[in-house]
Amino acid sequence: MPYQTTMNRPVDQYHQPDKPTQIEDTEPISEMGSSIASFSGDVVSLIELQLSLLSADFRDFLSGSIIPLVMIVFGSVLALGAFPVALYALGDWMHNEFSWSLAAGLAAAAGIGVVVALLLSGLAGFLIVKNLKYLKRSRYELKRNMNWIKQVVSSR
């Protein structure tokens, strides 16, 4: 067309100015396609294995965390239900026994309640963190798989 610009192209072994461009050897392209397909299949297999491992590790984590989770639930129910009543009774007892004011007895009881709640929460947190060891296996395998993928991609 008259309004289009003609580009000067270098002459090489594949393109001659008077011949149409043809790709004679398609083997490297098919090798690359099969390599990509093989790599994709490997990545999908790794993802499936990683999810299976994570599922198994999570089951192990939950089986070791049942007691701490029950402790958290029990501690919460205790704190929300009976604990304020017990603390009030303790404060009233301190008021009567030690001749403290009612406010001082209740404040001392509240302090004792906070200490007990912190101890229960700390113990439960410690036990849950201890059971996170089951998830280390999944994290380690994920890191290895990601390093393998990076290595394969960078070597191509």
Foldseek 3Di string as FASTA:
>chain_A
DVVDDDDDDDDDPQDDPVDDGDDDDCVVVVVVVVVVVVLVVVVVVLVVVLVVLQVVLVVQLCVQLVVLVVLVVVLVCCVVPVLVVVLLVQLVCCCVPVVDPSVVSSVVSVVVVVVVSVVSVVVSVVSSVVSCVSCVVSVVSVVVVVVVSVVVVVVD
